[in-house]
N, C-alpha and C. Protein backbone atom coordinates (compact mmCIF):
# COMPACT_ATOMS: atom_id res chain seq x y z
N MET A 1 22.42 -22.96 -20.54
CA MET A 1 22.68 -21.42 -19.64
C MET A 1 23.90 -21.61 -18.29
N ALA A 2 24.01 -20.42 -18.01
CA ALA A 2 24.83 -20.53 -17.16
C ALA A 2 24.09 -20.97 -15.64
N LYS A 3 24.91 -21.11 -14.37
CA LYS A 3 24.51 -22.08 -13.20
C LYS A 3 25.18 -21.40 -12.52
N SER A 4 23.91 -19.96 -11.44
CA SER A 4 23.79 -19.47 -10.34
C SER A 4 24.89 -20.06 -9.10
N SER A 5 25.64 -19.31 -9.20
CA SER A 5 27.13 -19.28 -7.98
C SER A 5 26.32 -19.73 -5.86
N LEU A 6 24.61 -19.48 -6.12
CA LEU A 6 24.15 -19.47 -5.58
C LEU A 6 23.60 -20.68 -4.88
N PRO A 7 23.49 -21.65 -3.53
CA PRO A 7 22.16 -22.48 -4.06
C PRO A 7 21.39 -22.51 -3.59
N ARG A 8 20.21 -23.60 -4.73
CA ARG A 8 19.12 -23.50 -4.99
C ARG A 8 18.20 -22.99 -3.91
N GLY A 9 17.01 -21.85 -3.54
CA GLY A 9 16.47 -21.76 -3.05
C GLY A 9 16.47 -20.42 -1.97
N THR A 10 18.22 -19.89 -2.33
CA THR A 10 19.08 -19.12 -1.85
C THR A 10 19.15 -17.81 -3.10
N ARG A 11 18.35 -17.44 -3.76
CA ARG A 11 18.13 -16.66 -5.01
C ARG A 11 17.59 -15.45 -3.70
N THR A 12 18.30 -14.06 -4.55
CA THR A 12 17.78 -12.85 -4.14
C THR A 12 17.14 -11.84 -4.87
N ALA A 13 16.80 -12.55 -5.70
CA ALA A 13 15.86 -11.83 -6.65
C ALA A 13 14.47 -12.06 -6.31
N ARG A 14 13.69 -10.40 -6.91
CA ARG A 14 12.69 -10.71 -5.77
C ARG A 14 11.37 -10.77 -7.28
N THR A 15 10.51 -10.92 -6.75
CA THR A 15 9.22 -11.08 -7.94
C THR A 15 8.79 -9.60 -7.69
N THR A 16 7.72 -9.86 -8.38
CA THR A 16 6.69 -8.82 -8.46
C THR A 16 5.38 -9.15 -8.05
N ARG A 17 5.27 -9.94 -6.92
CA ARG A 17 4.63 -10.08 -6.12
C ARG A 17 5.06 -9.32 -4.69
N HIS A 18 6.56 -9.21 -4.72
CA HIS A 18 6.98 -9.10 -3.33
C HIS A 18 7.29 -7.55 -3.75
N LEU A 19 6.69 -6.74 -4.46
CA LEU A 19 7.11 -5.06 -4.28
C LEU A 19 5.95 -4.17 -2.99
N ARG A 20 6.13 -3.24 -2.84
CA ARG A 20 5.16 -3.02 -1.75
C ARG A 20 4.76 -1.45 -2.47
N CYS A 21 3.55 -1.30 -2.34
CA CYS A 21 2.95 0.36 -2.37
C CYS A 21 3.91 1.01 -1.86
N ASP A 22 4.12 2.25 -2.26
CA ASP A 22 4.08 3.70 -1.67
C ASP A 22 3.33 4.92 -2.90
N TYR A 23 4.19 5.48 -1.79
CA TYR A 23 3.48 7.05 -2.41
C TYR A 23 2.97 7.06 -3.64
N LEU A 24 4.57 6.98 -5.00
CA LEU A 24 4.85 7.32 -5.80
C LEU A 24 3.36 6.34 -6.74
N PHE A 25 3.08 4.92 -6.36
CA PHE A 25 2.42 4.15 -6.31
C PHE A 25 1.34 4.20 -6.25
N LEU A 26 0.71 4.96 -5.99
CA LEU A 26 -0.71 5.16 -5.10
C LEU A 26 -1.59 6.28 -6.22
N GLU A 27 -0.20 7.21 -6.65
CA GLU A 27 -0.25 8.48 -7.26
C GLU A 27 -0.49 7.86 -8.77
N LEU A 28 0.19 7.45 -8.98
CA LEU A 28 -0.28 6.11 -10.26
C LEU A 28 -1.82 5.30 -10.03
N LEU A 29 -1.86 4.95 -8.89
CA LEU A 29 -3.73 4.04 -8.82
C LEU A 29 -4.29 5.49 -8.69
N GLU A 30 -4.27 6.14 -8.60
CA GLU A 30 -5.49 8.10 -8.10
C GLU A 30 -5.90 7.91 -9.72
N GLU A 31 -4.41 7.59 -10.34
CA GLU A 31 -4.96 8.38 -12.38
C GLU A 31 -5.37 7.57 -12.46
N ASP A 32 -4.77 6.43 -12.31
CA ASP A 32 -5.77 5.20 -13.15
C ASP A 32 -7.37 4.60 -12.78
N PHE A 33 -7.17 4.63 -11.62
CA PHE A 33 -8.80 4.58 -10.64
C PHE A 33 -9.64 5.62 -9.73
N GLY A 34 -8.84 6.24 -10.22
CA GLY A 34 -9.05 8.01 -10.10
C GLY A 34 -10.07 8.00 -7.56
N ILE A 35 -9.48 6.86 -7.95
CA ILE A 35 -9.55 6.26 -6.17
C ILE A 35 -8.79 7.83 -5.49
N SER A 36 -9.20 8.57 -4.65
CA SER A 36 -9.16 9.27 -3.98
C SER A 36 -7.56 9.02 -2.87
N GLN A 37 -6.51 9.60 -2.20
CA GLN A 37 -5.46 9.22 -2.10
C GLN A 37 -6.15 8.44 -0.41
N PHE A 38 -6.80 9.38 0.28
CA PHE A 38 -7.58 8.64 1.26
C PHE A 38 -7.61 7.31 1.52
N SER A 39 -8.80 7.31 0.59
CA SER A 39 -8.58 6.11 0.55
C SER A 39 -7.92 4.69 0.08
N LEU A 40 -6.49 5.44 -1.03
CA LEU A 40 -5.60 5.02 -1.11
C LEU A 40 -5.25 4.08 -0.08
N ARG A 41 -4.55 4.94 0.88
CA ARG A 41 -3.63 5.09 1.57
C ARG A 41 -4.30 4.60 3.25
N SER A 42 -5.71 4.34 3.12
CA SER A 42 -5.74 4.14 4.47
C SER A 42 -5.57 2.27 4.34
N ALA A 43 -6.06 1.37 2.98
CA ALA A 43 -6.08 1.05 2.53
C ALA A 43 -4.94 -0.19 2.04
N PHE A 44 -3.82 0.72 1.78
CA PHE A 44 -2.78 0.14 1.72
C PHE A 44 -1.13 0.54 2.22
N MET A 45 -1.38 1.34 3.16
CA MET A 45 -0.44 2.14 3.92
C MET A 45 -0.54 1.24 4.98
N GLY A 46 -0.13 0.11 5.16
CA GLY A 46 0.37 -0.55 6.57
C GLY A 46 1.57 -0.94 6.75
N VAL A 47 1.82 -2.19 8.07
CA VAL A 47 2.63 -2.34 7.98
C VAL A 47 2.94 -3.23 7.88
N PRO A 48 3.89 -4.53 7.28
CA PRO A 48 4.25 -3.40 6.19
C PRO A 48 3.12 -3.04 4.77
N PRO A 49 3.66 -2.12 3.69
CA PRO A 49 2.39 -2.17 3.26
C PRO A 49 1.71 -3.66 1.97
N ALA A 50 0.91 -3.13 1.81
CA ALA A 50 -0.04 -3.39 0.71
C ALA A 50 1.50 -4.23 -1.17
N THR A 51 1.19 -5.47 -1.52
CA THR A 51 2.06 -5.60 -2.52
C THR A 51 1.38 -5.03 -3.55
N LYS A 52 2.04 -4.92 -4.59
CA LYS A 52 1.52 -3.58 -5.76
C LYS A 52 0.68 -4.32 -5.95
N LYS A 53 1.00 -5.77 -6.91
CA LYS A 53 -0.27 -6.47 -7.18
C LYS A 53 -1.68 -6.64 -6.62
N GLN A 54 -1.43 -6.96 -5.74
CA GLN A 54 -2.75 -6.66 -4.32
C GLN A 54 -2.96 -5.54 -4.35
N ALA A 55 -2.38 -4.56 -4.79
CA ALA A 55 -3.41 -3.17 -5.12
C ALA A 55 -4.23 -3.16 -5.93
N ILE A 56 -3.77 -3.53 -7.18
CA ILE A 56 -4.09 -3.48 -8.70
C ILE A 56 -5.30 -4.33 -8.35
N ALA A 57 -5.25 -5.68 -8.47
CA ALA A 57 -7.03 -6.03 -8.00
C ALA A 57 -7.94 -5.64 -7.40
N LEU A 58 -7.40 -5.35 -6.20
CA LEU A 58 -8.31 -4.58 -4.89
C LEU A 58 -8.76 -3.59 -5.47
N CYS A 59 -8.54 -2.51 -6.66
CA CYS A 59 -8.93 -1.39 -7.00
C CYS A 59 -10.04 -1.71 -8.18
N GLU A 60 -9.28 -2.72 -9.10
CA GLU A 60 -10.78 -2.95 -10.17
C GLU A 60 -11.94 -3.82 -9.24
N TRP A 61 -11.36 -4.44 -8.51
CA TRP A 61 -12.58 -5.10 -7.69
C TRP A 61 -13.40 -3.67 -7.49
N ALA A 62 -12.94 -3.15 -6.60
CA ALA A 62 -13.33 -1.54 -6.16
C ALA A 62 -14.93 -0.87 -6.85
N ILE A 63 -13.75 -0.73 -7.92
CA ILE A 63 -14.05 -0.35 -9.08
C ILE A 63 -15.45 -0.95 -9.92
N ARG A 64 -15.36 -2.00 -9.54
CA ARG A 64 -16.26 -2.86 -10.13
C ARG A 64 -17.29 -2.67 -9.68
N VAL A 65 -17.65 -3.71 -8.08
CA VAL A 65 -18.70 -3.34 -7.81
C VAL A 65 -19.00 -1.46 -7.07
N ALA A 66 -18.19 -1.08 -7.29
CA ALA A 66 -18.87 0.44 -6.87
C ALA A 66 -19.73 0.66 -8.73
N GLY A 67 -19.49 0.45 -9.59
CA GLY A 67 -20.25 0.19 -10.88
C GLY A 67 -19.26 1.98 -11.51
N SER A 68 -17.98 1.87 -11.01
CA SER A 68 -17.08 2.57 -12.18
C SER A 68 -17.29 4.28 -11.27
N ASP A 69 -18.38 4.56 -10.50
CA ASP A 69 -17.96 5.86 -9.65
C ASP A 69 -16.41 5.73 -8.21
N PRO A 70 -15.82 6.43 -8.47
CA PRO A 70 -14.66 6.04 -7.65
C PRO A 70 -14.72 7.00 -6.57
N GLU A 71 -15.79 7.61 -6.23
CA GLU A 71 -15.75 7.36 -4.85
C GLU A 71 -16.19 6.40 -4.23
N LYS A 72 -18.07 5.90 -4.48
CA LYS A 72 -17.83 4.67 -4.06
C LYS A 72 -16.60 3.28 -4.36
N ALA A 73 -15.94 3.58 -4.72
CA ALA A 73 -14.53 2.66 -5.00
C ALA A 73 -14.30 3.06 -3.74
N GLY A 74 -13.59 4.20 -3.32
CA GLY A 74 -12.75 4.85 -2.39
C GLY A 74 -13.48 4.03 -1.09
N ASP A 75 -15.23 3.53 -0.79
CA ASP A 75 -15.35 3.57 0.15
C ASP A 75 -15.46 1.93 -0.06
N ALA A 76 -15.27 1.08 -0.64
CA ALA A 76 -15.74 -0.13 -0.78
C ALA A 76 -14.02 -0.48 -0.44
N LEU A 77 -13.39 0.31 -0.84
CA LEU A 77 -11.78 0.02 -0.15
C LEU A 77 -11.56 0.67 1.54
N CYS A 78 -12.18 0.96 1.50
CA CYS A 78 -12.23 1.46 3.42
C CYS A 78 -12.90 0.47 4.12
N ALA A 79 -13.70 0.10 3.47
CA ALA A 79 -14.94 -1.29 4.31
C ALA A 79 -13.86 -2.72 3.93
N TRP A 80 -13.37 -2.61 2.88
CA TRP A 80 -12.23 -3.44 2.97
C TRP A 80 -11.43 -4.04 4.08
N ALA A 81 -10.40 -2.72 3.34
CA ALA A 81 -9.11 -2.62 5.27
C ALA A 81 -9.96 -2.91 6.60
N LYS A 82 -11.40 -2.07 6.71
CA LYS A 82 -11.96 -2.39 8.26
C LYS A 82 -11.41 -3.47 8.44
N LYS A 83 -12.28 -4.39 7.64
CA LYS A 83 -12.99 -5.81 7.59
C LYS A 83 -11.88 -6.13 8.15
N ASN A 84 -10.85 -6.69 6.44
CA ASN A 84 -8.84 -7.38 7.18
C ASN A 84 -8.51 -6.97 7.91
N GLU A 85 -8.16 -5.35 8.22
CA GLU A 85 -7.57 -4.68 9.14
C GLU A 85 -6.63 -5.02 8.37
N ALA A 86 -6.29 -3.94 7.61
CA ALA A 86 -5.24 -4.21 6.97
C ALA A 86 -5.12 -2.45 6.88
N GLY A 87 -3.93 -2.33 6.23
CA GLY A 87 -3.72 -0.89 5.82
C GLY A 87 -3.46 -0.06 7.33
N SER A 88 -4.35 1.39 7.15
CA SER A 88 -4.42 2.31 8.75
C SER A 88 -4.68 1.36 9.69
N TYR A 89 -5.57 0.81 8.79
CA TYR A 89 -6.74 0.16 9.89
C TYR A 89 -6.49 -1.66 10.95
N ASP A 90 -4.75 -1.33 9.99
CA ASP A 90 -4.16 -2.87 11.64
C ASP A 90 -3.75 -2.87 12.35
N PRO A 91 -4.30 -3.15 13.45
CA PRO A 91 -4.50 -3.12 14.45
C PRO A 91 -3.00 -2.44 15.09
N ARG A 92 -1.64 -2.87 14.83
CA ARG A 92 -0.39 -2.47 14.80
C ARG A 92 -0.49 -1.16 14.88
N LEU A 93 -0.87 -0.55 13.94
CA LEU A 93 -1.32 1.32 14.04
C LEU A 93 -1.96 2.15 15.01
N LEU A 94 -2.87 1.46 15.22
CA LEU A 94 -4.10 1.50 15.42
C LEU A 94 -3.01 1.49 17.54
N ASP A 95 -3.17 0.97 18.01
CA ASP A 95 -2.69 0.49 19.46
C ASP A 95 -1.85 1.68 19.31
N ALA A 96 -0.63 1.36 18.34
CA ALA A 96 1.17 2.43 18.57
C ALA A 96 0.11 3.96 18.97
N PRO A 97 2.21 3.85 20.28
CA PRO A 97 2.11 4.82 20.46
C PRO A 97 1.93 6.74 19.79
N GLU A 98 1.31 7.59 20.48
CA GLU A 98 2.19 8.78 19.31
C GLU A 98 3.45 8.83 19.03
N LEU A 99 3.63 9.66 17.67
CA LEU A 99 4.93 10.15 17.94
C LEU A 99 5.04 11.49 18.51
N THR A 100 5.92 11.71 18.76
CA THR A 100 6.78 12.67 18.99
C THR A 100 7.00 13.44 18.07
N TRP A 101 7.18 15.11 18.41
CA TRP A 101 7.49 15.81 17.31
C TRP A 101 8.92 15.46 16.46
N GLU A 102 9.62 15.02 17.06
CA GLU A 102 11.46 14.69 16.47
C GLU A 102 10.60 13.18 15.34
N GLN A 103 10.17 12.76 15.67
CA GLN A 103 9.54 11.00 15.20
C GLN A 103 9.16 11.70 14.01
N ALA A 104 8.21 12.70 14.03
CA ALA A 104 7.48 13.13 13.34
C ALA A 104 7.76 14.32 12.04
N GLU A 105 9.25 14.52 12.68
CA GLU A 105 9.44 15.35 11.43
C GLU A 105 10.59 14.93 10.59
N HIS A 106 11.12 13.20 11.38
CA HIS A 106 12.65 12.26 11.18
C HIS A 106 11.58 12.05 9.79
N GLU A 107 9.85 11.05 10.06
CA GLU A 107 9.07 10.70 9.02
C GLU A 107 9.03 11.92 8.03
N ARG A 108 8.53 13.19 7.53
CA ARG A 108 8.82 14.28 6.76
C ARG A 108 9.51 13.89 6.06
N ARG A 109 10.89 14.38 6.28
CA ARG A 109 11.93 14.43 5.82
C ARG A 109 12.01 13.19 5.09
N VAL A 110 12.70 11.91 5.82
CA VAL A 110 12.30 10.45 4.86
C VAL A 110 12.20 11.60 3.37
N ARG A 111 10.43 11.01 3.85
CA ARG A 111 9.08 10.41 2.58
C ARG A 111 8.97 12.53 1.67
N GLU A 112 10.52 13.12 2.05
CA GLU A 112 10.45 13.93 1.08
C GLU A 112 11.92 13.45 0.56
N GLY A 113 12.34 13.03 0.92
CA GLY A 113 14.17 12.98 0.69
C GLY A 113 14.51 13.82 0.92
N TRP A 114 15.28 13.87 1.44
CA TRP A 114 15.86 14.98 2.70
C TRP A 114 16.96 13.81 2.78
N LEU A 115 16.43 12.30 3.52
CA LEU A 115 17.77 12.10 4.06
C LEU A 115 17.97 10.22 2.91
């Protein structure tokens, strides 16, 4: 086996537990679990977004707790996010100043892939 040229502990490879949720991943969660985009975004799209591994585990928990009802599962996710100050309930987002029109337009273009 070849040895790495990087010193031990400085490898740059990321494991799956570091991959963060994005809008495409939330669409997959919606397809798999039936939970609404509003609930998924509220729970997982914070600063920084939740890890994909955590999001899957929480969706499984929410569906189990809700008795397989996606609407109740979405409510459970939102309640979890509020309790844990995660996602859009993170105090850093709640206390942040409002975006100007220029900032909002830039964010929209980035999301749509224009920039």
